[in-house]
Protein backbone atom coordinates (compact mmCIF):
# COMPACT_ATOMS: atom_id res chain seq x y z
CA UNK A 1 -0.94 -31.33 -4.21
CA UNK A 2 -1.83 -29.79 -0.86
CA UNK A 3 -1.29 -26.35 0.66
CA UNK A 4 -2.65 -25.19 4.03
CA UNK A 5 -4.80 -28.31 4.13
CA UNK A 6 -6.39 -27.58 0.73
CA UNK A 7 -6.00 -30.18 -2.00
CA UNK A 8 -5.49 -28.68 -5.43
CA UNK A 9 -4.34 -29.50 -8.96
CA UNK A 10 -1.59 -27.51 -10.70
CA UNK A 11 -2.16 -27.06 -14.41
CA UNK A 12 1.02 -26.06 -16.23
CA UNK A 13 0.88 -28.09 -19.44
CA UNK A 14 -1.46 -27.91 -22.42
CA UNK A 15 -2.39 -31.57 -21.94
CA UNK A 16 -3.42 -30.92 -18.33
CA UNK A 17 -5.45 -27.89 -19.41
CA UNK A 18 -7.24 -29.90 -22.02
CA UNK A 19 -8.02 -32.60 -19.47
CA UNK A 20 -9.36 -29.93 -17.08
CA UNK A 21 -11.59 -28.61 -19.89
CA UNK A 22 -12.97 -32.01 -20.73
CA UNK A 23 -13.68 -32.77 -17.08
CA UNK A 24 -15.60 -29.57 -16.72
CA UNK A 25 -17.99 -30.15 -19.61
CA UNK A 26 -21.52 -30.02 -18.27
CA UNK A 27 -20.80 -28.31 -14.93
CA UNK A 28 -23.24 -25.61 -13.84
CA UNK A 29 -20.86 -23.27 -11.85
CA UNK A 30 -17.23 -22.27 -11.66
CA UNK A 31 -15.54 -19.84 -9.37
CA UNK A 32 -12.36 -18.14 -10.41
CA UNK A 33 -9.88 -15.35 -9.63
CA UNK A 34 -6.67 -14.08 -11.27
CA UNK A 35 -3.33 -12.78 -10.04
CA UNK A 36 -1.44 -10.40 -12.30
CA UNK A 37 1.32 -7.78 -12.42
CA UNK A 38 0.58 -4.36 -13.76
CA UNK A 39 3.29 -2.31 -12.08
CA UNK A 40 6.05 -0.88 -14.36
CA UNK A 41 4.32 -2.41 -17.43
CA UNK A 42 2.00 -1.19 -20.10
CA UNK A 43 0.57 -4.63 -20.86
CA UNK A 44 -0.66 -6.35 -17.70
CA UNK A 45 0.99 -9.77 -17.16
CA UNK A 46 -1.48 -12.52 -16.24
CA UNK A 47 0.36 -14.77 -13.81
CA UNK A 48 -2.15 -17.16 -12.26
CA UNK A 49 -5.78 -18.30 -12.59
CA UNK A 50 -7.39 -19.95 -9.52
CA UNK A 51 -10.48 -22.05 -10.13
CA UNK A 52 -13.01 -23.73 -7.86
CA UNK A 53 -15.69 -26.13 -9.11
CA UNK A 54 -17.59 -29.22 -8.11
CA UNK A 55 -14.47 -31.19 -9.07
CA UNK A 56 -12.10 -29.35 -6.68
CA UNK A 57 -9.58 -26.54 -6.75
CA UNK A 58 -7.13 -25.75 -9.51
CA UNK A 59 -4.22 -23.37 -10.15
CA UNK A 60 -3.72 -22.65 -13.88
CA UNK A 61 -0.30 -21.25 -14.81
CA UNK A 62 -0.64 -18.85 -17.80
CA UNK A 63 3.12 -18.24 -17.80
CA UNK A 64 3.76 -21.90 -18.59
CA UNK A 65 0.91 -22.23 -21.10
CA UNK A 66 0.89 -20.97 -24.64
CA UNK A 67 -2.88 -21.26 -25.16
CA UNK A 68 -5.60 -20.56 -22.55
CA UNK A 69 -8.32 -21.34 -25.06
CA UNK A 70 -9.92 -24.26 -23.12
CA UNK A 71 -10.30 -22.13 -20.01
CA UNK A 72 -11.62 -19.17 -21.97
CA UNK A 73 -14.27 -21.41 -23.51
CA UNK A 74 -15.62 -22.17 -20.01
CA UNK A 75 -15.70 -18.44 -19.21
CA UNK A 76 -17.80 -17.88 -22.31
CA UNK A 77 -20.14 -20.85 -21.73
CA UNK A 78 -23.62 -19.46 -20.87
CA UNK A 79 -24.57 -22.79 -19.17
CA UNK A 80 -21.95 -22.23 -16.44
CA UNK A 81 -22.44 -19.60 -13.73
CA UNK A 82 -19.07 -17.83 -13.25
CA UNK A 83 -18.64 -16.71 -9.64
CA UNK A 84 -16.08 -13.95 -8.96
CA UNK A 85 -15.40 -11.21 -6.45
CA UNK A 86 -14.56 -7.88 -8.04
CA UNK A 87 -14.54 -9.79 -11.25
CA UNK A 88 -14.57 -6.67 -13.46
CA UNK A 89 -10.78 -6.53 -12.97
CA UNK A 90 -10.40 -10.18 -14.12
CA UNK A 91 -12.79 -9.80 -17.03
CA UNK A 92 -11.17 -6.55 -18.18
CA UNK A 93 -7.82 -8.29 -18.27
CA UNK A 94 -9.23 -11.19 -20.25
CA UNK A 95 -11.01 -8.83 -22.62
CA UNK A 96 -7.94 -6.81 -23.35
CA UNK A 97 -5.64 -9.81 -23.70
CA UNK A 98 -7.98 -12.24 -25.51
CA UNK A 99 -11.00 -10.21 -26.67
CA UNK A 100 -13.53 -12.29 -24.73
CA UNK A 101 -16.38 -11.39 -22.39
CA UNK A 102 -18.08 -13.69 -19.83
CA UNK A 103 -21.50 -15.23 -20.09
CA UNK A 104 -23.69 -15.82 -17.02
CA UNK A 105 -21.55 -13.92 -14.55
CA UNK A 106 -22.29 -13.58 -10.81
CA UNK A 107 -20.08 -11.19 -8.90
CA UNK A 108 -20.22 -11.43 -5.07
CA UNK A 109 -19.06 -7.84 -4.60
CA UNK A 110 -21.82 -6.46 -6.84
CA UNK A 111 -24.48 -8.81 -5.51
CA UNK A 112 -23.58 -8.09 -1.87
CA UNK A 113 -24.34 -4.39 -2.42
CA UNK A 114 -28.04 -5.30 -2.93
CA UNK A 115 -28.25 -6.91 0.55
CA UNK A 116 -26.88 -4.04 2.60
CA UNK A 117 -23.09 -4.32 2.18
CA UNK A 118 -21.04 -1.29 1.20
CA UNK A 119 -19.70 -1.14 -2.35
CA UNK A 120 -16.95 -1.95 -2.86
CA UNK A 121 -16.36 -4.34 0.02
CA UNK A 122 -13.32 -6.51 0.43
CA UNK A 123 -13.39 -10.28 -0.02
CA UNK A 124 -12.18 -10.87 3.53
CA UNK A 125 -14.93 -8.64 5.04
CA UNK A 126 -17.60 -10.29 2.98
CA UNK A 127 -16.47 -13.81 3.93
CA UNK A 128 -16.46 -12.87 7.63
CA UNK A 129 -19.91 -11.22 7.40
CA UNK A 130 -21.63 -13.95 5.39
CA UNK A 131 -19.69 -17.14 6.22
CA UNK A 132 -18.25 -16.31 9.65
CA UNK A 133 -14.59 -17.20 8.82
CA UNK A 134 -11.77 -14.75 9.30
CA UNK A 135 -9.13 -14.67 6.57
CA UNK A 136 -5.61 -13.66 7.46
CA UNK A 137 -3.95 -10.74 5.72
CA UNK A 138 -2.86 -11.58 2.24
CA UNK A 139 -0.10 -10.09 0.12
CA UNK A 140 -0.31 -6.37 -0.57
CA UNK A 141 2.43 -6.84 -3.14
CA UNK A 142 4.11 -10.02 -4.24
CA UNK A 143 5.84 -11.27 -7.38
CA UNK A 144 3.25 -13.57 -8.91
CA UNK A 145 5.52 -14.27 -11.84
CA UNK A 146 8.01 -16.01 -9.63
CA UNK A 147 8.36 -19.73 -10.13
CA UNK A 148 8.06 -21.89 -8.14
CA UNK A 149 5.50 -20.08 -6.05
CA UNK A 150 5.95 -20.13 -2.31
CA UNK A 151 3.57 -22.10 -0.14
CA UNK A 152 2.27 -18.82 1.26
CA UNK A 153 1.48 -17.53 -2.24
CA UNK A 154 -0.35 -20.79 -3.08
CA UNK A 155 -2.37 -20.63 0.13
CA UNK A 156 -3.36 -16.97 -0.49
CA UNK A 157 -4.29 -17.79 -4.07
CA UNK A 158 -6.49 -20.74 -3.12
CA UNK A 159 -8.31 -18.87 -0.35
CA UNK A 160 -9.47 -16.40 -3.03
CA UNK A 161 -11.68 -19.12 -4.53
CA UNK A 162 -12.41 -21.55 -1.68
CA UNK A 163 -15.33 -19.46 -0.39
CA UNK A 164 -16.85 -18.35 -3.68
CA UNK A 165 -19.57 -21.03 -3.86
CA UNK A 166 -20.55 -20.49 -0.20
CA UNK A 167 -20.86 -16.76 -0.80
CA UNK A 168 -22.85 -17.36 -3.93
CA UNK A 169 -25.35 -19.53 -2.00
CA UNK A 170 -25.60 -17.18 0.99
CA UNK A 171 -26.01 -13.99 -1.04
CA UNK A 172 -28.41 -15.57 -3.53
CA UNK A 173 -30.67 -16.74 -0.69
CA UNK A 174 -30.86 -13.21 0.72
CA UNK A 175 -31.43 -11.70 -2.69
CA UNK A 176 -34.37 -14.04 -3.23
CA UNK A 177 -35.75 -13.14 0.12
CA UNK A 178 -35.58 -9.34 -0.49
CA UNK A 179 -36.66 -9.55 -4.12
CA UNK A 180 -33.38 -8.02 -5.44
CA UNK A 181 -32.03 -11.05 -7.31
CA UNK A 182 -33.14 -9.77 -10.74
CA UNK A 183 -31.49 -6.42 -10.04
CA UNK A 184 -28.24 -8.05 -9.01
CA UNK A 185 -28.20 -10.30 -12.08
CA UNK A 186 -28.95 -7.33 -14.33
CA UNK A 187 -25.97 -5.45 -12.95
CA UNK A 188 -23.68 -8.50 -13.20
CA UNK A 189 -24.78 -9.02 -16.86
CA UNK A 190 -23.23 -5.69 -17.79
CA UNK A 191 -19.82 -7.41 -17.67
CA UNK A 192 -20.88 -9.52 -20.68
CA UNK A 193 -21.02 -6.41 -22.87
CA UNK A 194 -17.83 -5.34 -24.57
CA UNK A 195 -18.89 -1.68 -24.12
CA UNK A 196 -18.40 -2.25 -20.38
CA UNK A 197 -14.65 -2.33 -20.97
CA UNK A 198 -14.45 0.60 -23.34
CA UNK A 199 -12.34 3.54 -22.33
CA UNK A 200 -12.07 6.73 -24.36
CA UNK A 201 -8.52 6.83 -25.76
CA UNK A 202 -8.41 10.51 -24.80
CA UNK A 203 -9.67 10.03 -21.24
CA UNK A 204 -6.51 11.54 -19.64
CA UNK A 205 -7.05 14.78 -21.51
CA UNK A 206 -10.81 14.89 -21.10
CA UNK A 207 -10.54 14.33 -17.35
CA UNK A 208 -7.65 16.66 -16.78
CA UNK A 209 -8.16 19.73 -14.58
CA UNK A 210 -5.08 21.17 -16.20
CA UNK A 211 -6.68 20.93 -19.64
CA UNK A 212 -9.93 22.37 -18.32
CA UNK A 213 -8.16 25.55 -17.27
CA UNK A 214 -5.91 25.81 -20.35
CA UNK A 215 -6.27 27.55 -23.68
CA UNK A 216 -6.82 25.72 -26.93
CA UNK A 217 -3.20 25.66 -28.07
CA UNK A 218 -2.07 24.20 -24.72
CA UNK A 219 -4.84 21.64 -24.88
CA UNK A 220 -3.69 20.42 -28.27
CA UNK A 221 -0.15 20.10 -26.86
CA UNK A 222 -1.49 18.05 -23.95
CA UNK A 223 -3.48 15.87 -26.31
CA UNK A 224 -0.31 15.15 -28.32
CA UNK A 225 1.78 14.67 -25.22
CA UNK A 226 -0.55 12.14 -23.65
CA UNK A 227 -0.75 10.18 -26.90
CA UNK A 228 3.03 10.25 -27.33
CA UNK A 229 3.48 9.00 -23.78
CA UNK A 230 0.95 6.20 -24.29
CA UNK A 231 2.46 5.16 -27.63
CA UNK A 232 6.02 4.99 -26.34
CA UNK A 233 4.90 3.13 -23.22
CA UNK A 234 3.03 0.56 -25.30
CA UNK A 235 5.99 0.02 -27.66
CA UNK A 236 8.44 -0.51 -24.82
CA UNK A 237 5.93 -2.22 -22.48
CA UNK A 238 6.75 0.29 -19.74
CA UNK A 239 4.30 2.08 -17.55
CA UNK A 240 3.38 5.56 -18.73
CA UNK A 241 4.83 6.97 -15.51
CA UNK A 242 8.21 5.47 -16.45
CA UNK A 243 8.11 7.31 -19.78
CA UNK A 244 6.99 10.68 -18.40
CA UNK A 245 5.87 11.20 -14.79
CA UNK A 246 2.47 12.80 -14.51
CA UNK A 247 3.67 15.23 -11.85
CA UNK A 248 5.88 17.12 -14.30
CA UNK A 249 3.33 17.52 -17.08
CA UNK A 250 2.00 20.92 -15.87
CA UNK A 251 5.57 22.29 -15.62
CA UNK A 252 6.33 20.90 -19.03
CA UNK A 253 3.30 22.56 -20.59
CA UNK A 254 4.30 25.92 -19.09
CA UNK A 255 7.95 25.55 -20.05
CA UNK A 256 7.46 24.46 -23.65
CA UNK A 257 5.99 27.80 -24.54
CA UNK A 258 9.47 29.33 -24.15
CA UNK A 259 11.29 26.63 -26.07
CA UNK A 260 13.88 24.06 -25.09
CA UNK A 261 16.15 26.52 -23.28
CA UNK A 262 13.25 27.59 -21.07
CA UNK A 263 12.53 23.98 -20.17
CA UNK A 264 16.19 23.33 -19.32
CA UNK A 265 16.20 26.29 -16.99
CA UNK A 266 13.22 24.89 -15.07
CA UNK A 267 14.69 22.96 -12.12
CA UNK A 268 11.52 20.95 -11.77
CA UNK A 269 11.97 19.35 -15.18
CA UNK A 270 14.51 16.53 -15.46
CA UNK A 271 17.38 17.76 -17.66
CA UNK A 272 17.83 14.21 -19.00
CA UNK A 273 14.25 14.18 -20.29
CA UNK A 274 14.48 17.62 -21.84
CA UNK A 275 17.79 16.93 -23.54
CA UNK A 276 16.33 13.78 -25.01
CA UNK A 277 12.86 14.95 -26.00
CA UNK A 278 12.91 18.76 -25.75
CA UNK A 279 13.01 19.38 -29.49
CA UNK A 280 10.16 16.93 -29.99
CA UNK A 281 8.08 18.68 -27.33
CA UNK A 282 8.65 22.05 -28.93
CA UNK A 283 7.57 20.66 -32.34
CA UNK A 284 4.46 19.19 -30.72
CA UNK A 285 3.61 22.62 -29.31
CA UNK A 286 4.28 24.61 -32.48
CA UNK A 287 2.51 22.41 -35.04
CA UNK A 288 -0.94 23.74 -35.93
CA UNK A 289 -3.88 21.78 -34.69
CA UNK A 290 -5.77 19.52 -37.02
CA UNK A 291 -9.51 19.51 -37.42
CA UNK A 292 -9.69 16.20 -35.57
CA UNK A 293 -7.59 17.53 -32.68
CA UNK A 294 -9.74 20.62 -32.38
CA UNK A 295 -12.88 18.50 -32.24
CA UNK A 296 -11.40 16.53 -29.36
CA UNK A 297 -10.16 19.42 -27.30
CA UNK A 298 -13.46 21.32 -27.76
CA UNK A 299 -15.16 18.63 -25.78
CA UNK A 300 -13.48 20.00 -22.68
CA UNK A 301 -15.59 22.52 -20.81
CA UNK A 302 -13.94 25.43 -19.10
CA UNK A 303 -14.73 26.29 -15.48
CA UNK A 304 -17.45 28.96 -15.34
CA UNK A 305 -20.22 30.41 -13.17
CA UNK A 306 -22.54 27.90 -14.85
CA UNK A 307 -20.36 25.13 -13.48
CA UNK A 308 -20.81 26.44 -9.98
CA UNK A 309 -24.60 26.38 -10.42
CA UNK A 310 -24.33 22.86 -11.86
CA UNK A 311 -22.29 21.79 -8.82
CA UNK A 312 -25.14 22.72 -6.47
CA UNK A 313 -27.65 20.78 -8.55
CA UNK A 314 -25.35 17.81 -8.80
CA UNK A 315 -24.85 17.78 -5.02
CA UNK A 316 -28.56 17.84 -4.47
CA UNK A 317 -29.24 15.03 -6.97
CA UNK A 318 -26.47 13.02 -5.37
CA UNK A 319 -27.95 13.40 -1.93
CA UNK A 320 -31.40 12.40 -3.22
CA UNK A 321 -29.85 9.33 -4.83
CA UNK A 322 -28.14 8.39 -1.56
CA UNK A 323 -31.44 8.76 0.30
CA UNK A 324 -33.34 6.51 -2.02
CA UNK A 325 -30.58 3.95 -2.10
CA UNK A 326 -30.46 3.95 1.71
CA UNK A 327 -34.22 3.40 1.87
CA UNK A 328 -33.76 0.29 -0.29
CA UNK A 329 -30.67 -0.86 1.67
CA UNK A 330 -28.58 -0.78 -1.51
CA UNK A 331 -25.03 0.66 -1.60
CA UNK A 332 -25.29 4.14 -3.10
CA UNK A 333 -21.75 3.81 -4.52
CA UNK A 334 -22.99 1.11 -6.87
CA UNK A 335 -26.15 3.01 -7.83
CA UNK A 336 -24.25 6.01 -9.08
CA UNK A 337 -20.61 7.11 -8.46
CA UNK A 338 -20.24 10.62 -7.17
CA UNK A 339 -18.92 12.01 -10.47
CA UNK A 340 -21.39 10.14 -12.68
CA UNK A 341 -23.94 12.97 -12.94
CA UNK A 342 -21.38 15.45 -14.20
CA UNK A 343 -20.00 12.82 -16.57
CA UNK A 344 -23.53 12.25 -17.90
CA UNK A 345 -23.63 15.89 -19.00
CA UNK A 346 -20.33 15.56 -20.83
CA UNK A 347 -20.60 11.97 -22.16
CA UNK A 348 -23.75 10.60 -23.77
CA UNK A 349 -22.49 7.02 -23.35
CA UNK A 350 -22.39 7.44 -19.58
CA UNK A 351 -25.96 8.70 -19.52
CA UNK A 352 -27.11 5.84 -21.70
CA UNK A 353 -25.33 3.27 -19.53
CA UNK A 354 -26.87 4.48 -16.27
CA UNK A 355 -30.31 5.54 -17.45
CA UNK A 356 -30.65 2.40 -19.56
CA UNK A 357 -30.45 0.30 -16.43
CA UNK A 358 -33.85 -1.01 -15.53
CA UNK A 359 -33.21 -1.49 -11.83
CA UNK A 360 -31.76 2.03 -11.43
CA UNK A 361 -34.86 3.56 -13.03
CA UNK A 362 -37.09 1.53 -10.75
CA UNK A 363 -35.10 2.46 -7.66
CA UNK A 364 -34.60 6.17 -8.38
CA UNK A 365 -38.02 6.82 -9.89
CA UNK A 366 -39.11 8.41 -13.12
CA UNK A 367 -38.88 11.90 -11.68
CA UNK A 368 -35.20 11.48 -10.94
CA UNK A 369 -34.61 9.94 -14.37
CA UNK A 370 -36.34 12.94 -16.05
CA UNK A 371 -34.12 15.34 -14.06
CA UNK A 372 -31.01 13.57 -15.35
CA UNK A 373 -32.34 13.43 -18.94
CA UNK A 374 -32.90 17.16 -18.87
CA UNK A 375 -29.89 18.10 -16.76
CA UNK A 376 -28.82 20.90 -19.16
CA UNK A 377 -32.16 22.66 -18.56
CA UNK A 378 -32.59 21.78 -14.92
CA UNK A 379 -33.03 24.68 -12.44
CA UNK A 380 -33.13 24.79 -8.65
CA UNK A 381 -35.23 27.20 -6.58
CA UNK A 382 -35.72 27.69 -2.82
CA UNK A 383 -39.01 29.16 -1.74
CA UNK A 384 -40.95 28.92 1.52
CA UNK A 385 -38.43 26.58 3.08
CA UNK A 386 -38.69 24.09 0.13
CA UNK A 387 -36.09 23.21 -2.47
CA UNK A 388 -37.52 22.58 -5.90
CA UNK A 389 -36.04 21.15 -9.07
CA UNK A 390 -37.77 21.99 -12.32
CA UNK A 391 -37.08 22.03 -16.07
C-alpha cells in the first residue's frame, strides 16, 4: 500500500502480525508511535500502532487484532533499540493495558533536551531543527477508531515514524560530541521501570487546593467522593468528568454539610445529579472516618506561614537549578519540574526518583543535593548583599 508517496504494510490479521514478528527477529532498531482515544472514556482505547524499521513502514491495527503479543515481545526485546518521541505516553498506555515495560528505549524528545532543545518540544519542531524538513499540521482531534482510515489519517500516522531513525542518528551524534549520551540513555532507561508509571490512587485528593484548605471531616468526604467518581467511571468506562464534573466538587462539599435539601437549593449544583446521588453524598459525609482514611488525609499539609517561607526557598532553589541547567545547555524542565521540590518534601518517592538520578547529581552538584535532602531544615539568610542557604 502507498500513502503520500510512502509505501507501507497494513497489519490487521493475526497471521500478518506473526509474519511481521518473524521478519523482525534479529533487527537492532525499531521506531514506533501510537494513536489512541482517551476522551469520554476511563480506559484509553489503543487504535493504531505505527512502526518503522529496516524492513519498511507498518500500520498495526489493534482494533482488528485480538492479541498484540508478537509486537509486545519486540518492545520488550533488549537487543532492539526502541525509538520514540514522547514515548512515555505510548509506554504508559502499553503498561496499563498489557503490564509491559520497554527495554532499550531511546526517546528523541528526552534526548534532544540534552543538546539544547526545550523540553518538551514537538515532533514537528524537532524534525525541522535537526533534519530540515517541515511537517504540515496534523490532526488536533480525529477519530482514530474509524475504519477505514482516511488517506489523510494514514499520511499523518506514517509521518510520525518516518523520521525517527534520522532523528536518532542526528541526536546521538551530537550527544556523543558533547559527552551527554550516557545522561540521555540514563533518563530514557527510567521508562523501563514499572515505578515510572505508578500514580498514587489518591493523587486527586493529595494535590487538591480545596483539600489543603479544608478541615478533616471535609477531607474525608472528598477522599470518598473522588474514589466513588473513579470507581463509577471505571465500571461504566466513562470519563470521570462525565460522572461528576470537577468544577462542581467545591460547591458539592459546601452543600452536603446542610443535607440533600441544601444541595438542591444550590443553583450551581445540577438537580438531576443531586436527586440521583444526593442521599449517597450525605451518607458519605456523615459516616465516621476510618483509621486508613485518617492516615491518608493527614498527609495533606495546610497552608501556613511555614509554607510561605518554604516558597521563597523553593523559588531560590529552582532558579539555581535553571542556572546550572542553562550552563550545561540542558532543558531545565527535564532536570526538575517547577513543583518537584515541594513534592519532594511531601513524597519520599519523588525525592528518591530525582536524587537517585546520577546525571542530575552530577549536573546540580553535591551542595544542591544536600540542600534537597535536608529541605525540612533548610534556612535562608541575606547578609551583606549575599543570599545564603544553610542547614
